[in-house]
């Protein structure tokens, strides 16, 4: 079976139609192409759209916190890490206690 090649214009037209209809598999059948291929085209189109977008639009899309927000998030992150460490220590102590109370208990807890 010979491999078919599609033009960029055709791919863009099919992708646009699939977005409008909302059912890519149906559009693929209508154009006699494999639905997986259409999904691949759509995924590639998303990545190329980001590459061709101007930097001013990307700056709006990418969120960067202010220095105050960043310090606040760092503090919260530190607090959560400490809490997680305390919980891990508590679990380790409880496991040791369980082993001491029941020496025949050999299952590994994770």
C-alpha atoms as a PDB file:
ATOM      1  CA  UNK A   1       0.000   0.000   0.000  1.00  0.00           C
ATOM      2  CA  UNK A   2       1.445   3.334  -1.039  1.00  0.00           C
ATOM      3  CA  UNK A   3       1.807   6.064   1.526  1.00  0.00           C
ATOM      4  CA  UNK A   4      -0.326   9.154   0.982  1.00  0.00           C
ATOM      5  CA  UNK A   5       1.007  12.657   1.549  1.00  0.00           C
ATOM      6  CA  UNK A   6      -1.212  15.525   2.576  1.00  0.00           C
ATOM      7  CA  UNK A   7      -0.603  19.224   2.114  1.00  0.00           C
ATOM      8  CA  UNK A   8      -0.353  21.570   5.078  1.00  0.00           C
ATOM      9  CA  UNK A   9      -3.448  23.405   3.887  1.00  0.00           C
ATOM     10  CA  UNK A  10      -5.447  20.163   3.842  1.00  0.00           C
ATOM     11  CA  UNK A  11      -4.236  19.278   7.345  1.00  0.00           C
ATOM     12  CA  UNK A  12      -5.174  22.709   8.681  1.00  0.00           C
ATOM     13  CA  UNK A  13      -8.592  22.511   7.045  1.00  0.00           C
ATOM     14  CA  UNK A  14      -9.299  19.080   8.566  1.00  0.00           C
ATOM     15  CA  UNK A  15      -8.038  20.180  11.992  1.00  0.00           C
ATOM     16  CA  UNK A  16     -10.249  23.267  11.891  1.00  0.00           C
ATOM     17  CA  UNK A  17     -13.242  21.177  10.855  1.00  0.00           C
ATOM     18  CA  UNK A  18     -12.578  18.698  13.679  1.00  0.00           C
ATOM     19  CA  UNK A  19     -12.449  21.548  16.213  1.00  0.00           C
ATOM     20  CA  UNK A  20     -15.712  23.006  14.900  1.00  0.00           C
ATOM     21  CA  UNK A  21     -17.550  19.678  14.818  1.00  0.00           C
ATOM     22  CA  UNK A  22     -16.072  18.420  18.080  1.00  0.00           C
ATOM     23  CA  UNK A  23     -15.778  14.849  16.838  1.00  0.00           C
ATOM     24  CA  UNK A  24     -12.386  14.168  15.270  1.00  0.00           C
ATOM     25  CA  UNK A  25     -13.113  10.518  14.478  1.00  0.00           C
ATOM     26  CA  UNK A  26     -16.179  11.438  12.433  1.00  0.00           C
ATOM     27  CA  UNK A  27     -14.248  14.083  10.487  1.00  0.00           C
ATOM     28  CA  UNK A  28     -11.425  11.600   9.868  1.00  0.00           C
ATOM     29  CA  UNK A  29     -13.867   9.050   8.439  1.00  0.00           C
ATOM     30  CA  UNK A  30     -15.436  11.715   6.248  1.00  0.00           C
ATOM     31  CA  UNK A  31     -12.031  12.527   4.743  1.00  0.00           C
ATOM     32  CA  UNK A  32     -10.988   8.859   4.593  1.00  0.00           C
ATOM     33  CA  UNK A  33      -8.014   9.172   6.949  1.00  0.00           C
ATOM     34  CA  UNK A  34      -7.083   7.308  10.113  1.00  0.00           C
ATOM     35  CA  UNK A  35      -8.426   9.014  13.279  1.00  0.00           C
ATOM     36  CA  UNK A  36      -5.081   8.501  15.026  1.00  0.00           C
ATOM     37  CA  UNK A  37      -3.398  10.466  12.273  1.00  0.00           C
ATOM     38  CA  UNK A  38      -5.840  13.328  12.718  1.00  0.00           C
ATOM     39  CA  UNK A  39      -5.239  13.340  16.473  1.00  0.00           C
ATOM     40  CA  UNK A  40      -1.481  13.429  15.797  1.00  0.00           C
ATOM     41  CA  UNK A  41      -1.948  16.366  13.414  1.00  0.00           C
ATOM     42  CA  UNK A  42      -3.996  18.196  16.040  1.00  0.00           C
ATOM     43  CA  UNK A  43      -1.335  17.625  18.697  1.00  0.00           C
ATOM     44  CA  UNK A  44       1.426  18.806  16.377  1.00  0.00           C
ATOM     45  CA  UNK A  45      -0.618  21.867  15.442  1.00  0.00           C
ATOM     46  CA  UNK A  46      -0.925  22.829  19.109  1.00  0.00           C
ATOM     47  CA  UNK A  47       2.836  22.732  19.523  1.00  0.00           C
ATOM     48  CA  UNK A  48       3.528  24.657  16.333  1.00  0.00           C
ATOM     49  CA  UNK A  49       0.984  27.310  17.350  1.00  0.00           C
ATOM     50  CA  UNK A  50       3.000  27.958  20.510  1.00  0.00           C
ATOM     51  CA  UNK A  51       6.231  28.170  18.516  1.00  0.00           C
ATOM     52  CA  UNK A  52       4.810  30.705  16.063  1.00  0.00           C
ATOM     53  CA  UNK A  53       3.164  32.912  18.699  1.00  0.00           C
ATOM     54  CA  UNK A  54       4.881  36.241  19.329  1.00  0.00           C
ATOM     55  CA  UNK A  55       6.645  36.741  22.648  1.00  0.00           C
ATOM     56  CA  UNK A  56       4.265  39.471  23.865  1.00  0.00           C
ATOM     57  CA  UNK A  57       1.351  37.029  23.771  1.00  0.00           C
ATOM     58  CA  UNK A  58       3.424  34.354  25.494  1.00  0.00           C
ATOM     59  CA  UNK A  59       4.255  36.752  28.311  1.00  0.00           C
ATOM     60  CA  UNK A  60       0.559  37.193  29.004  1.00  0.00           C
ATOM     61  CA  UNK A  61      -0.058  33.439  28.898  1.00  0.00           C
ATOM     62  CA  UNK A  62       2.815  32.572  31.254  1.00  0.00           C
ATOM     63  CA  UNK A  63       2.104  33.496  34.884  1.00  0.00           C
ATOM     64  CA  UNK A  64       5.003  34.754  36.985  1.00  0.00           C
ATOM     65  CA  UNK A  65       4.302  35.579  40.616  1.00  0.00           C
ATOM     66  CA  UNK A  66       5.382  38.883  42.138  1.00  0.00           C
ATOM     67  CA  UNK A  67       8.285  38.825  44.638  1.00  0.00           C
ATOM     68  CA  UNK A  68       5.834  39.009  47.550  1.00  0.00           C
ATOM     69  CA  UNK A  69       3.758  36.123  46.193  1.00  0.00           C
ATOM     70  CA  UNK A  70       6.934  34.154  45.548  1.00  0.00           C
ATOM     71  CA  UNK A  71       8.163  34.631  49.145  1.00  0.00           C
ATOM     72  CA  UNK A  72       4.730  33.663  50.425  1.00  0.00           C
ATOM     73  CA  UNK A  73       4.713  30.502  48.295  1.00  0.00           C
ATOM     74  CA  UNK A  74       8.244  29.619  49.425  1.00  0.00           C
ATOM     75  CA  UNK A  75       7.172  29.978  53.073  1.00  0.00           C
ATOM     76  CA  UNK A  76       4.126  27.815  52.522  1.00  0.00           C
ATOM     77  CA  UNK A  77       6.236  25.219  50.711  1.00  0.00           C
ATOM     78  CA  UNK A  78       8.736  25.138  53.611  1.00  0.00           C
ATOM     79  CA  UNK A  79       5.902  24.762  56.126  1.00  0.00           C
ATOM     80  CA  UNK A  80       4.356  21.886  54.170  1.00  0.00           C
ATOM     81  CA  UNK A  81       7.721  20.123  53.871  1.00  0.00           C
ATOM     82  CA  UNK A  82       8.198  20.355  57.648  1.00  0.00           C
ATOM     83  CA  UNK A  83       4.700  18.981  58.210  1.00  0.00           C
ATOM     84  CA  UNK A  84       5.388  16.112  55.816  1.00  0.00           C
ATOM     85  CA  UNK A  85       8.647  15.334  57.648  1.00  0.00           C
ATOM     86  CA  UNK A  86       6.820  15.260  60.974  1.00  0.00           C
ATOM     87  CA  UNK A  87       4.191  12.903  59.563  1.00  0.00           C
ATOM     88  CA  UNK A  88       6.878  10.597  58.139  1.00  0.00           C
ATOM     89  CA  UNK A  89       8.608  10.506  61.530  1.00  0.00           C
ATOM     90  CA  UNK A  90       5.300   9.783  63.245  1.00  0.00           C
ATOM     91  CA  UNK A  91       4.614   6.900  60.863  1.00  0.00           C
ATOM     92  CA  UNK A  92       8.096   5.466  61.458  1.00  0.00           C
ATOM     93  CA  UNK A  93       7.597   5.610  65.248  1.00  0.00           C
ATOM     94  CA  UNK A  94       4.206   3.914  64.975  1.00  0.00           C
ATOM     95  CA  UNK A  95       5.656   1.164  62.782  1.00  0.00           C
ATOM     96  CA  UNK A  96       8.442   0.531  65.300  1.00  0.00           C
ATOM     97  CA  UNK A  97       5.883   0.399  68.093  1.00  0.00           C
ATOM     98  CA  UNK A  98       3.785  -2.075  66.103  1.00  0.00           C
ATOM     99  CA  UNK A  99       6.820  -4.286  65.532  1.00  0.00           C
ATOM    100  CA  UNK A 100       7.692  -4.230  69.243  1.00  0.00           C
ATOM    101  CA  UNK A 101       4.148  -5.128  70.293  1.00  0.00           C
ATOM    102  CA  UNK A 102       3.805  -7.908  67.743  1.00  0.00           C
ATOM    103  CA  UNK A 103       7.207  -9.411  66.821  1.00  0.00           C
ATOM    104  CA  UNK A 104       5.580 -11.985  64.522  1.00  0.00           C
ATOM    105  CA  UNK A 105       4.275  -9.139  62.341  1.00  0.00           C
ATOM    106  CA  UNK A 106       6.565  -9.296  59.301  1.00  0.00           C
ATOM    107  CA  UNK A 107       4.697  -7.573  56.492  1.00  0.00           C
ATOM    108  CA  UNK A 108       6.411  -4.544  55.066  1.00  0.00           C
ATOM    109  CA  UNK A 109       4.418  -1.371  55.237  1.00  0.00           C
ATOM    110  CA  UNK A 110       5.087   1.400  52.789  1.00  0.00           C
END
